[in-house]
Amino acid sequence: MSSRDLGEDGSGRGDTKKPLLNTGNWYRMSSWRSSSMGMGSSALLVRGGSVSVLFCVLIVALGPIQFGFTSGYSSPTQADIVADLSLSVSEFSLFGSLSNVGAMVGAIASGQIAEHMGRKGSLMIAAIPNIIGWLIISFAKNSTFLYLGRLLEGFGVGIISYTVPVYIAEVSPQNMRGSLGAVNQLSVTIGILLAYVLGLFVNWRILAVMGALPCIVLIPGLFFIPESPRWLAKMGMTEEFESSLQVLRGFDTDISSEVNDIKKSVASSNKRTTITFSDFKRKRYWFPLLIGIGLLVLQQLSGINGVFFYSTTIFESAGISSSNLATVGLGVIQVIATGVATWLMDKAGRRLLLIVSSSGMTLSLLLVSVSFFLEDSISEESKVYSLLGILSLIGLVTLVISYSLGIGAVPWIIMSEILPVSIKSLAGSVATFVNWLMAWAITMSANLLLSWSTGGTFTIYTVLSSLTVVFVSMLVPETKGRTLEEIQSSFR
């Protein structure tokens, strides 16, 4: 089962592409098979430094930690930034939403960058504007530099949000893919929590410098993990593809079956090298794209980003005096709930978690909206007012738990699993762009809607969240326990 070039293996493509950015393959040998047969020094070196999939996932998880830090940054810093730079509510709302605008641009570019630079190369590219953006925010003297920094970090986050789930899905064995894929969302929640906690103790400028640290560590870390074997196979780099897969699975593991499956999938996808808009009339393309975009849109329409970005303001509206501490508590609960989801992902399955999660979110949002409506008609001195504040807090907590159990992580996992290799870069970019477009709309409107009517805002989110239950029940398939090749072939 040896082949020097995928083009010779039936892919229809004899020329081997090379990545435009080489982030290093320290594990690579001239041929891992020939070296292992001879038991030369290079084989011994690689055996002694075998890279586990978990280690790879933990390295790339620094990207989502940065993603989460960006999402959580505006909540503990709003009062200080508004006071220091004399911003209005609408100007700070613009600042909060500009990371989503930058992410939209990053999302559009993410597919092509990941396609031509590789998954590792695109993460390295994403890290640079993130670092620069945080430093600009830290030294900002007016709103212009504040906005510029937010746009730059958003651009990097847009690339990260597409590339990390795809990389994790492509390197993970099928029995661990769900749990390892959920590490992406778990890392986002850890980043949010770090922003909340550190924001209690440090100035907003110092907090911005701290925001750059995950990406500063990510850049050197990328040199110590292998590239995605499926991307290498698609690029026709057979030797590197097989070496990468062997490193990921362990040097005592027989990878011949998985190698053949990946080669067949790549060969099939390369029979037609150009995808036109007319091709999207075929179910194998439009149906997975509909599911991917639908889940990522509905994830945002629940208003969860508005809750996270302005959680301190929401808690103040609920009559909770220690709003910053309540926000930190919310972050802790989110991390724990996402950790539970990570454990359940390959046991309960994606579809069940989505149904439970979206149903729980709908009921939680309904409780919060009713509580806020009743608060508006009751005196603040009343004991009932305090009780309603507690009910709204319970609703927000169950909302975050429900979100973390499914809607937070599963859409990204399913998007990375169901899109065919031939359209993954284009379709993945479109899906990620639409997600960030919705995130921008929710973030931009949340503060203004909350100023209009807190109860009315959560009523809107309740109706939109209920649509997710219907969508998942009718359209979303189960992907647990199936290889990527099996999932994608099921849409044909």
Protein backbone atom coordinates (compact mmCIF):
# COMPACT_ATOMS: atom_id res chain seq x y z
CA MET A 1 0.00 0.00 0.00
CA SER A 2 2.64 2.48 -0.93
CA SER A 3 2.09 5.37 -3.29
CA ARG A 4 4.37 8.28 -3.96
CA ASP A 5 1.73 10.65 -5.23
CA LEU A 6 -2.01 10.78 -4.83
CA GLY A 7 -2.26 11.71 -8.47
CA GLU A 8 -1.05 8.19 -9.29
CA ASP A 9 -3.68 6.76 -6.97
CA GLY A 10 -6.62 7.85 -9.02
CA SER A 11 -7.14 11.39 -7.85
CA GLY A 12 -6.94 12.72 -11.35
CA ARG A 13 -4.28 15.19 -10.31
CA GLY A 14 -0.66 14.41 -10.97
CA ASP A 15 0.87 17.66 -9.81
CA THR A 16 1.70 17.97 -6.16
CA LYS A 17 0.79 21.27 -4.54
CA LYS A 18 2.93 22.77 -1.84
CA PRO A 19 1.77 24.93 1.04
CA LEU A 20 2.59 28.62 0.73
CA LEU A 21 3.67 28.74 4.37
CA ASN A 22 5.74 25.95 5.92
CA THR A 23 5.32 25.80 9.69
CA GLY A 24 7.70 22.90 10.07
CA ASN A 25 7.34 19.14 10.35
CA TRP A 26 9.91 18.16 12.96
CA TYR A 27 8.54 14.61 13.01
CA ARG A 28 8.98 14.05 9.27
CA MET A 29 11.35 11.44 7.85
CA SER A 30 12.27 10.86 4.21
CA SER A 31 9.94 7.89 4.49
CA TRP A 32 8.63 6.74 7.82
CA ARG A 33 8.16 3.24 6.48
CA SER A 34 11.68 2.79 5.16
CA SER A 35 13.17 4.44 8.22
CA SER A 36 11.19 2.26 10.63
CA MET A 37 12.22 -0.85 8.69
CA GLY A 38 15.85 0.11 9.04
CA MET A 39 15.39 1.28 12.63
CA GLY A 40 17.65 4.21 11.91
CA SER A 41 18.29 7.08 14.29
CA SER A 42 15.50 9.20 12.77
CA ALA A 43 12.93 6.47 13.45
CA LEU A 44 14.05 6.22 17.05
CA LEU A 45 13.87 9.99 17.39
CA VAL A 46 10.28 10.11 16.12
CA ARG A 47 9.21 7.12 18.23
CA GLY A 48 10.58 8.83 21.31
CA GLY A 49 8.75 12.07 20.51
CA SER A 50 5.42 10.72 19.29
CA VAL A 51 2.77 13.43 19.27
CA SER A 52 -0.64 12.53 20.69
CA VAL A 53 -3.86 13.92 19.24
CA LEU A 54 -4.66 15.41 22.64
CA PHE A 55 -1.44 17.42 22.63
CA CYS A 56 -2.26 18.77 19.16
CA VAL A 57 -5.76 19.76 20.29
CA LEU A 58 -4.42 21.51 23.39
CA ILE A 59 -2.00 23.56 21.29
CA VAL A 60 -4.60 24.76 18.78
CA ALA A 61 -7.05 25.34 21.68
CA LEU A 62 -5.02 28.46 22.50
CA GLY A 63 -6.80 30.03 19.51
CA PRO A 64 -10.32 29.55 20.93
CA ILE A 65 -9.09 30.78 24.33
CA GLN A 66 -8.17 34.00 22.54
CA PHE A 67 -11.60 33.91 20.85
CA GLY A 68 -13.31 33.67 24.25
CA PHE A 69 -11.17 36.40 25.77
CA THR A 70 -12.30 38.70 22.97
CA SER A 71 -15.95 37.85 23.66
CA GLY A 72 -15.63 38.38 27.41
CA TYR A 73 -13.45 41.49 27.34
CA SER A 74 -16.20 44.09 26.93
CA SER A 75 -18.27 42.99 29.93
CA PRO A 76 -15.91 43.83 32.84
CA THR A 77 -14.32 46.81 31.07
CA GLN A 78 -17.39 48.76 29.90
CA ALA A 79 -17.58 51.23 32.78
CA ASP A 80 -13.82 51.98 32.81
CA ILE A 81 -13.45 52.37 29.04
CA VAL A 82 -16.52 54.60 28.79
CA ALA A 83 -15.17 56.80 31.62
CA ASP A 84 -11.54 56.95 30.41
CA LEU A 85 -12.30 57.67 26.75
CA SER A 86 -15.64 59.48 27.24
CA LEU A 87 -17.64 57.11 25.06
CA SER A 88 -21.42 57.02 24.71
CA VAL A 89 -23.46 53.82 25.02
CA SER A 90 -23.76 53.57 21.22
CA GLU A 91 -20.00 54.09 20.77
CA PHE A 92 -19.20 51.31 23.23
CA SER A 93 -21.79 49.10 21.52
CA LEU A 94 -19.92 49.76 18.28
CA PHE A 95 -16.65 48.80 19.97
CA GLY A 96 -18.21 45.58 21.26
CA SER A 97 -19.57 44.65 17.84
CA LEU A 98 -16.51 45.55 15.73
CA SER A 99 -14.78 42.30 16.65
CA ASN A 100 -17.64 40.60 14.82
CA VAL A 101 -17.13 42.83 11.78
CA GLY A 102 -13.44 41.91 11.72
CA ALA A 103 -14.41 38.26 12.20
CA MET A 104 -16.69 38.44 9.16
CA VAL A 105 -13.76 39.54 7.02
CA GLY A 106 -11.58 36.85 8.58
CA ALA A 107 -14.30 34.25 7.97
CA ILE A 108 -14.52 35.13 4.26
CA ALA A 109 -10.76 34.68 3.92
CA SER A 110 -10.47 31.69 6.27
CA GLY A 111 -11.37 28.95 3.82
CA GLN A 112 -8.89 30.03 1.16
CA ILE A 113 -6.16 30.71 3.70
CA ALA A 114 -6.65 27.26 5.28
CA GLU A 115 -6.74 25.73 1.80
CA HIS A 116 -3.48 27.24 0.53
CA MET A 117 -1.52 27.81 3.73
CA GLY A 118 -2.64 24.71 5.57
CA ARG A 119 -4.46 24.51 8.88
CA LYS A 120 -1.33 25.32 10.88
CA GLY A 121 -0.28 28.11 8.55
CA SER A 122 -3.68 29.79 8.75
CA LEU A 123 -3.58 29.70 12.57
CA MET A 124 -0.17 31.35 12.52
CA ILE A 125 -1.50 34.06 10.20
CA ALA A 126 -4.52 34.55 12.48
CA ALA A 127 -2.33 34.98 15.57
CA ILE A 128 -0.45 38.02 14.23
CA PRO A 129 -3.37 40.51 13.85
CA ASN A 130 -4.72 39.28 17.18
CA ILE A 131 -1.52 40.25 18.97
CA ILE A 132 -1.28 43.61 17.17
CA GLY A 133 -4.95 44.36 17.84
CA TRP A 134 -4.69 43.78 21.59
CA LEU A 135 -1.61 46.00 21.82
CA ILE A 136 -3.38 48.80 19.92
CA ILE A 137 -6.33 48.59 22.34
CA SER A 138 -3.98 48.67 25.30
CA PHE A 139 -2.35 51.93 24.15
CA ALA A 140 -5.49 53.53 22.66
CA LYS A 141 -5.96 57.23 23.44
CA ASN A 142 -9.23 57.64 21.59
CA SER A 143 -12.03 55.63 20.05
CA THR A 144 -10.34 55.42 16.62
CA PHE A 145 -7.46 53.26 17.88
CA LEU A 146 -9.87 51.31 20.07
CA TYR A 147 -11.95 50.44 17.00
CA LEU A 148 -8.88 49.59 14.89
CA GLY A 149 -7.55 47.19 17.51
CA ARG A 150 -10.95 45.52 17.86
CA LEU A 151 -11.20 45.02 14.08
CA LEU A 152 -7.75 43.42 13.90
CA GLU A 153 -8.36 40.98 16.72
CA GLY A 154 -11.74 40.18 15.20
CA PHE A 155 -10.08 39.34 11.87
CA GLY A 156 -7.85 36.82 13.60
CA VAL A 157 -10.77 35.35 15.55
CA GLY A 158 -12.72 34.88 12.30
CA ILE A 159 -9.94 32.69 10.89
CA ILE A 160 -9.54 30.79 14.16
CA SER A 161 -13.27 30.06 14.45
CA TYR A 162 -13.21 28.17 11.13
CA THR A 163 -9.77 26.59 11.19
CA VAL A 164 -9.63 25.11 14.70
CA PRO A 165 -12.82 22.96 14.45
CA VAL A 166 -11.72 21.75 11.00
CA TYR A 167 -8.20 20.86 12.20
CA ILE A 168 -9.52 19.00 15.25
CA ALA A 169 -12.06 17.04 13.16
CA GLU A 170 -9.39 16.10 10.62
CA VAL A 171 -6.79 14.85 13.11
CA SER A 172 -9.12 13.07 15.57
CA PRO A 173 -10.00 9.36 15.45
CA GLN A 174 -13.73 8.81 14.94
CA ASN A 175 -14.36 7.53 18.50
CA MET A 176 -12.90 10.72 20.01
CA ARG A 177 -13.88 13.31 17.41
CA GLY A 178 -16.93 14.64 19.25
CA SER A 179 -15.23 15.05 22.62
CA LEU A 180 -12.07 16.54 21.14
CA GLY A 181 -14.17 18.81 18.91
CA ALA A 182 -15.98 20.09 22.00
CA VAL A 183 -12.61 21.20 23.40
CA ASN A 184 -12.92 24.09 20.93
CA GLN A 185 -16.00 25.48 22.72
CA LEU A 186 -14.59 24.55 26.15
CA SER A 187 -11.56 26.71 25.36
CA VAL A 188 -13.81 29.59 24.31
CA THR A 189 -15.58 29.42 27.67
CA ILE A 190 -12.25 29.34 29.51
CA GLY A 191 -11.21 32.47 27.60
CA ILE A 192 -14.46 34.22 28.56
CA LEU A 193 -13.98 33.26 32.21
CA LEU A 194 -10.39 34.50 32.22
CA ALA A 195 -11.54 37.87 30.88
CA TYR A 196 -14.25 38.08 33.57
CA VAL A 197 -11.95 37.11 36.45
CA LEU A 198 -8.91 39.13 35.44
CA GLY A 199 -11.17 42.10 34.68
CA LEU A 200 -12.01 42.29 38.41
CA PHE A 201 -8.40 42.90 39.34
CA VAL A 202 -6.58 44.70 36.52
CA ASN A 203 -7.05 47.87 34.48
CA TRP A 204 -8.62 47.49 31.04
CA ARG A 205 -5.32 48.39 29.35
CA ILE A 206 -3.40 45.67 31.19
CA LEU A 207 -6.23 43.24 30.48
CA ALA A 208 -5.78 43.95 26.76
CA VAL A 209 -2.08 43.03 26.98
CA MET A 210 -3.05 39.78 28.71
CA GLY A 211 -5.41 39.09 25.81
CA ALA A 212 -2.45 38.78 23.46
CA LEU A 213 -0.75 36.03 25.49
CA PRO A 214 -2.61 32.97 24.07
CA CYS A 215 -1.59 33.82 20.52
CA ILE A 216 1.97 34.65 21.58
CA VAL A 217 2.23 31.09 22.94
CA LEU A 218 0.31 29.59 19.98
CA ILE A 219 2.85 30.66 17.34
CA PRO A 220 5.83 28.60 18.63
CA GLY A 221 3.48 25.78 19.66
CA LEU A 222 2.42 25.23 16.04
CA PHE A 223 5.94 24.08 15.16
CA PHE A 224 5.54 21.06 17.45
CA ILE A 225 2.37 19.54 16.01
CA PRO A 226 1.73 17.82 12.65
CA GLU A 227 -0.34 19.28 9.84
CA SER A 228 -3.80 17.85 9.13
CA PRO A 229 -3.29 14.55 7.25
CA ARG A 230 -6.49 15.07 5.24
CA TRP A 231 -5.26 18.46 4.03
CA LEU A 232 -1.88 16.98 3.13
CA ALA A 233 -3.63 14.22 1.20
CA LYS A 234 -5.75 16.74 -0.68
CA MET A 235 -2.60 18.69 -1.57
CA GLY A 236 -1.09 15.49 -3.02
CA MET A 237 1.67 15.35 -0.39
CA THR A 238 1.48 11.59 0.14
CA GLU A 239 4.66 11.13 2.13
CA GLU A 240 3.85 13.91 4.57
CA PHE A 241 0.21 12.76 4.79
CA GLU A 242 1.12 9.22 5.83
CA SER A 243 3.82 10.41 8.23
CA SER A 244 1.41 12.86 9.87
CA LEU A 245 -1.31 10.23 10.27
CA GLN A 246 1.14 7.69 11.71
CA VAL A 247 2.38 10.23 14.24
CA LEU A 248 -1.17 11.07 15.28
CA ARG A 249 -2.28 7.46 15.64
CA GLY A 250 0.92 6.11 17.20
CA PHE A 251 3.79 4.19 15.60
CA ASP A 252 2.50 0.78 16.65
CA THR A 253 -0.90 1.40 14.99
CA ASP A 254 -1.85 0.00 11.59
CA ILE A 255 -3.16 2.99 9.65
CA SER A 256 -3.54 1.26 6.25
CA SER A 257 -7.36 1.17 6.38
CA GLU A 258 -7.66 4.85 7.33
CA VAL A 259 -5.09 5.81 4.70
CA ASN A 260 -7.12 4.02 2.01
CA ASP A 261 -10.39 5.65 3.13
CA ILE A 262 -8.86 9.12 3.01
CA LYS A 263 -7.26 8.48 -0.39
CA LYS A 264 -10.58 7.28 -1.83
CA SER A 265 -12.38 10.32 -0.46
CA VAL A 266 -9.77 12.70 -1.86
CA ALA A 267 -9.75 10.91 -5.22
CA SER A 268 -13.54 11.20 -5.44
CA SER A 269 -13.54 14.88 -4.54
CA ASN A 270 -10.85 15.65 -7.10
CA LYS A 271 -12.65 14.13 -10.09
CA ARG A 272 -14.13 17.60 -10.59
CA THR A 273 -11.72 20.29 -9.54
CA THR A 274 -14.09 23.23 -10.09
CA ILE A 275 -17.35 23.66 -8.16
CA THR A 276 -19.91 25.98 -9.78
CA PHE A 277 -23.08 27.48 -8.34
CA SER A 278 -25.14 25.02 -10.40
CA ASP A 279 -23.50 22.17 -8.43
CA PHE A 280 -25.20 23.45 -5.27
CA LYS A 281 -28.51 22.23 -6.70
CA ARG A 282 -27.31 18.73 -5.87
CA LYS A 283 -28.34 17.43 -2.44
CA ARG A 284 -24.82 16.28 -1.59
CA TYR A 285 -23.82 19.97 -1.53
CA TRP A 286 -26.86 22.07 -0.61
CA PHE A 287 -28.15 19.87 2.21
CA PRO A 288 -24.97 19.81 4.38
CA LEU A 289 -24.48 23.51 3.65
CA LEU A 290 -28.06 24.22 4.77
CA ILE A 291 -27.49 22.30 8.01
CA GLY A 292 -24.14 23.98 8.71
CA ILE A 293 -25.38 27.51 8.05
CA GLY A 294 -28.72 26.89 9.75
CA LEU A 295 -27.15 25.69 13.00
CA LEU A 296 -24.60 28.51 13.13
CA VAL A 297 -27.27 31.15 12.44
CA LEU A 298 -29.67 29.76 15.05
CA GLN A 299 -26.82 29.58 17.56
CA GLN A 300 -26.53 33.36 17.39
CA LEU A 301 -30.23 34.21 17.09
CA SER A 302 -30.78 32.90 20.62
CA GLY A 303 -29.06 36.14 21.72
CA ILE A 304 -26.36 34.33 23.66
CA ASN A 305 -23.64 36.74 22.53
CA GLY A 306 -25.70 39.67 23.75
CA VAL A 307 -26.03 37.95 27.15
CA PHE A 308 -22.27 37.35 27.39
CA PHE A 309 -21.17 40.75 26.12
CA TYR A 310 -23.51 42.69 28.40
CA SER A 311 -24.01 40.26 31.30
CA THR A 312 -22.99 42.87 33.88
CA THR A 313 -25.66 45.29 32.61
CA ILE A 314 -28.28 42.51 32.57
CA PHE A 315 -27.52 41.56 36.18
CA GLU A 316 -27.81 45.20 37.23
CA SER A 317 -31.23 45.32 35.55
CA ALA A 318 -32.19 42.24 37.57
CA GLY A 319 -31.41 44.15 40.77
CA ILE A 320 -28.28 42.16 41.63
CA SER A 321 -25.81 44.44 43.44
CA SER A 322 -22.63 42.37 42.90
CA SER A 323 -23.10 42.21 39.14
CA ASN A 324 -19.40 41.68 38.35
CA LEU A 325 -19.18 38.71 40.72
CA ALA A 326 -22.39 37.30 39.25
CA THR A 327 -20.84 37.58 35.79
CA VAL A 328 -17.77 35.63 36.97
CA GLY A 329 -20.07 33.00 38.47
CA LEU A 330 -21.82 32.74 35.10
CA GLY A 331 -18.45 32.15 33.45
CA VAL A 332 -17.58 29.38 35.93
CA ILE A 333 -20.92 27.66 35.32
CA GLN A 334 -20.37 27.86 31.56
CA VAL A 335 -16.94 26.21 31.79
CA ILE A 336 -18.29 23.38 33.96
CA ALA A 337 -21.33 22.79 31.72
CA THR A 338 -19.16 22.78 28.59
CA GLY A 339 -16.83 20.29 30.28
CA VAL A 340 -19.85 18.01 30.84
CA ALA A 341 -20.83 18.42 27.18
CA THR A 342 -17.29 17.47 26.14
CA TRP A 343 -17.64 14.23 28.11
CA LEU A 344 -21.13 13.50 26.70
CA MET A 345 -20.41 14.32 23.06
CA ASP A 346 -19.35 10.82 21.97
CA LYS A 347 -21.78 9.11 24.37
CA ALA A 348 -25.14 10.87 23.94
CA GLY A 349 -24.53 12.03 20.37
CA ARG A 350 -24.73 15.43 18.70
CA ARG A 351 -28.42 15.40 17.73
CA LEU A 352 -29.76 14.56 21.21
CA LEU A 353 -27.57 17.20 22.84
CA LEU A 354 -28.82 19.80 20.36
CA ILE A 355 -32.48 19.00 21.08
CA VAL A 356 -31.99 19.04 24.87
CA SER A 357 -29.88 22.20 24.68
CA SER A 358 -32.24 24.22 22.44
CA SER A 359 -35.31 23.15 24.45
CA GLY A 360 -33.64 24.18 27.71
CA MET A 361 -32.61 27.53 26.22
CA THR A 362 -36.14 28.27 25.05
CA LEU A 363 -37.65 27.59 28.48
CA SER A 364 -34.88 29.59 30.21
CA LEU A 365 -35.36 32.60 27.95
CA LEU A 366 -39.11 32.44 28.56
CA LEU A 367 -38.53 32.52 32.34
CA VAL A 368 -36.15 35.49 32.06
CA SER A 369 -38.50 37.48 29.81
CA VAL A 370 -41.51 36.93 32.11
CA SER A 371 -39.44 37.92 35.17
CA PHE A 372 -38.28 41.17 33.60
CA PHE A 373 -41.79 42.06 32.38
CA LEU A 374 -43.20 41.59 35.88
CA GLU A 375 -40.34 43.62 37.43
CA ASP A 376 -41.37 46.63 35.34
CA SER A 377 -44.79 46.68 36.99
CA ILE A 378 -43.69 46.13 40.61
CA SER A 379 -42.09 48.55 43.07
CA GLU A 380 -38.38 47.99 43.79
CA GLU A 381 -39.21 48.04 47.51
CA SER A 382 -41.43 44.98 47.19
CA LYS A 383 -40.28 41.52 48.28
CA VAL A 384 -41.74 40.18 45.07
CA TYR A 385 -39.29 42.38 43.14
CA SER A 386 -36.36 40.66 44.87
CA LEU A 387 -37.90 37.27 44.13
CA LEU A 388 -38.23 38.15 40.45
CA GLY A 389 -34.55 39.16 40.44
CA ILE A 390 -33.69 35.69 41.72
CA LEU A 391 -35.92 34.08 39.08
CA SER A 392 -34.24 36.03 36.30
CA LEU A 393 -30.84 34.98 37.66
CA ILE A 394 -31.96 31.33 37.69
CA GLY A 395 -33.16 31.75 34.11
CA LEU A 396 -29.83 33.20 32.98
CA VAL A 397 -27.90 30.40 34.71
CA THR A 398 -30.05 27.66 33.12
CA LEU A 399 -29.74 29.49 29.79
CA VAL A 400 -25.94 29.33 29.94
CA ILE A 401 -26.00 25.68 31.08
CA SER A 402 -28.39 24.72 28.28
CA TYR A 403 -26.34 26.61 25.70
CA SER A 404 -23.11 25.00 26.87
CA LEU A 405 -24.54 21.47 26.71
CA GLY A 406 -25.11 21.59 22.97
CA ILE A 407 -25.75 24.75 20.98
CA GLY A 408 -22.39 26.24 21.96
CA ALA A 409 -20.17 23.40 20.70
CA VAL A 410 -22.17 21.11 18.42
CA PRO A 411 -22.81 23.45 15.42
CA TRP A 412 -19.06 23.94 14.94
CA ILE A 413 -18.43 20.19 15.25
CA ILE A 414 -21.17 19.28 12.76
CA MET A 415 -20.05 21.99 10.34
CA SER A 416 -16.53 20.52 10.32
CA GLU A 417 -17.89 16.96 9.90
CA ILE A 418 -20.56 17.20 7.20
CA LEU A 419 -19.08 19.51 4.55
CA PRO A 420 -17.59 17.56 1.62
CA VAL A 421 -13.85 18.01 1.03
CA SER A 422 -14.46 19.55 -2.41
CA ILE A 423 -16.49 22.47 -1.02
CA LYS A 424 -15.19 22.66 2.54
CA SER A 425 -13.09 25.81 2.09
CA LEU A 426 -15.84 27.75 0.28
CA ALA A 427 -18.82 26.42 2.23
CA GLY A 428 -16.98 26.62 5.56
CA SER A 429 -16.11 30.25 4.90
CA VAL A 430 -19.72 31.07 4.01
CA ALA A 431 -21.08 29.31 7.10
CA THR A 432 -18.55 31.00 9.39
CA PHE A 433 -19.20 34.40 7.78
CA VAL A 434 -22.97 34.09 8.29
CA ASN A 435 -22.40 33.09 11.93
CA TRP A 436 -20.31 36.19 12.55
CA LEU A 437 -22.77 38.38 10.66
CA MET A 438 -25.51 37.22 13.03
CA ALA A 439 -23.17 37.64 16.01
CA TRP A 440 -22.50 41.23 14.92
CA ALA A 441 -26.21 41.97 14.54
CA ILE A 442 -27.01 40.52 17.99
CA THR A 443 -24.09 42.25 19.72
CA MET A 444 -24.78 45.59 18.04
CA SER A 445 -28.47 45.49 18.86
CA ALA A 446 -28.37 43.89 22.33
CA ASN A 447 -27.41 46.99 24.33
CA LEU A 448 -29.93 49.14 22.46
CA LEU A 449 -32.68 46.52 22.83
CA LEU A 450 -31.95 46.14 26.54
CA SER A 451 -32.26 49.92 26.91
CA TRP A 452 -35.65 49.72 25.14
CA SER A 453 -37.09 46.75 27.09
CA THR A 454 -35.25 43.95 28.86
CA GLY A 455 -38.35 41.75 28.90
CA GLY A 456 -39.09 42.48 25.24
CA THR A 457 -35.51 41.65 24.25
CA PHE A 458 -35.65 38.23 25.89
CA THR A 459 -39.08 37.55 24.38
CA ILE A 460 -37.59 38.01 20.91
CA TYR A 461 -34.75 35.64 21.82
CA THR A 462 -37.28 33.09 23.15
CA VAL A 463 -39.18 32.94 19.85
CA LEU A 464 -35.99 32.61 17.82
CA SER A 465 -34.60 29.91 20.12
CA SER A 466 -37.74 27.81 19.70
CA LEU A 467 -37.02 27.65 15.95
CA THR A 468 -33.82 25.74 16.72
CA VAL A 469 -35.79 22.88 18.29
CA VAL A 470 -37.84 22.52 15.12
CA PHE A 471 -34.82 22.79 12.79
CA VAL A 472 -32.78 20.15 14.63
CA SER A 473 -35.71 17.74 14.95
CA MET A 474 -36.51 17.89 11.25
CA LEU A 475 -33.16 18.21 9.48
CA VAL A 476 -30.02 17.46 11.51
CA PRO A 477 -28.59 13.91 11.25
CA GLU A 478 -26.57 12.07 13.90
CA THR A 479 -22.83 11.95 13.13
CA LYS A 480 -21.60 10.10 16.24
CA GLY A 481 -19.44 7.03 15.58
CA ARG A 482 -19.05 7.62 11.83
CA THR A 483 -15.92 8.54 9.90
CA LEU A 484 -15.82 11.86 8.06
CA GLU A 485 -15.84 9.94 4.79
CA GLU A 486 -18.98 7.98 5.82
CA ILE A 487 -20.80 11.14 6.93
CA GLN A 488 -20.06 13.02 3.72
CA SER A 489 -20.93 10.08 1.44
CA SER A 490 -24.35 9.76 3.13
CA PHE A 491 -25.51 13.00 1.45
CA ARG A 492 -24.93 11.67 -2.07
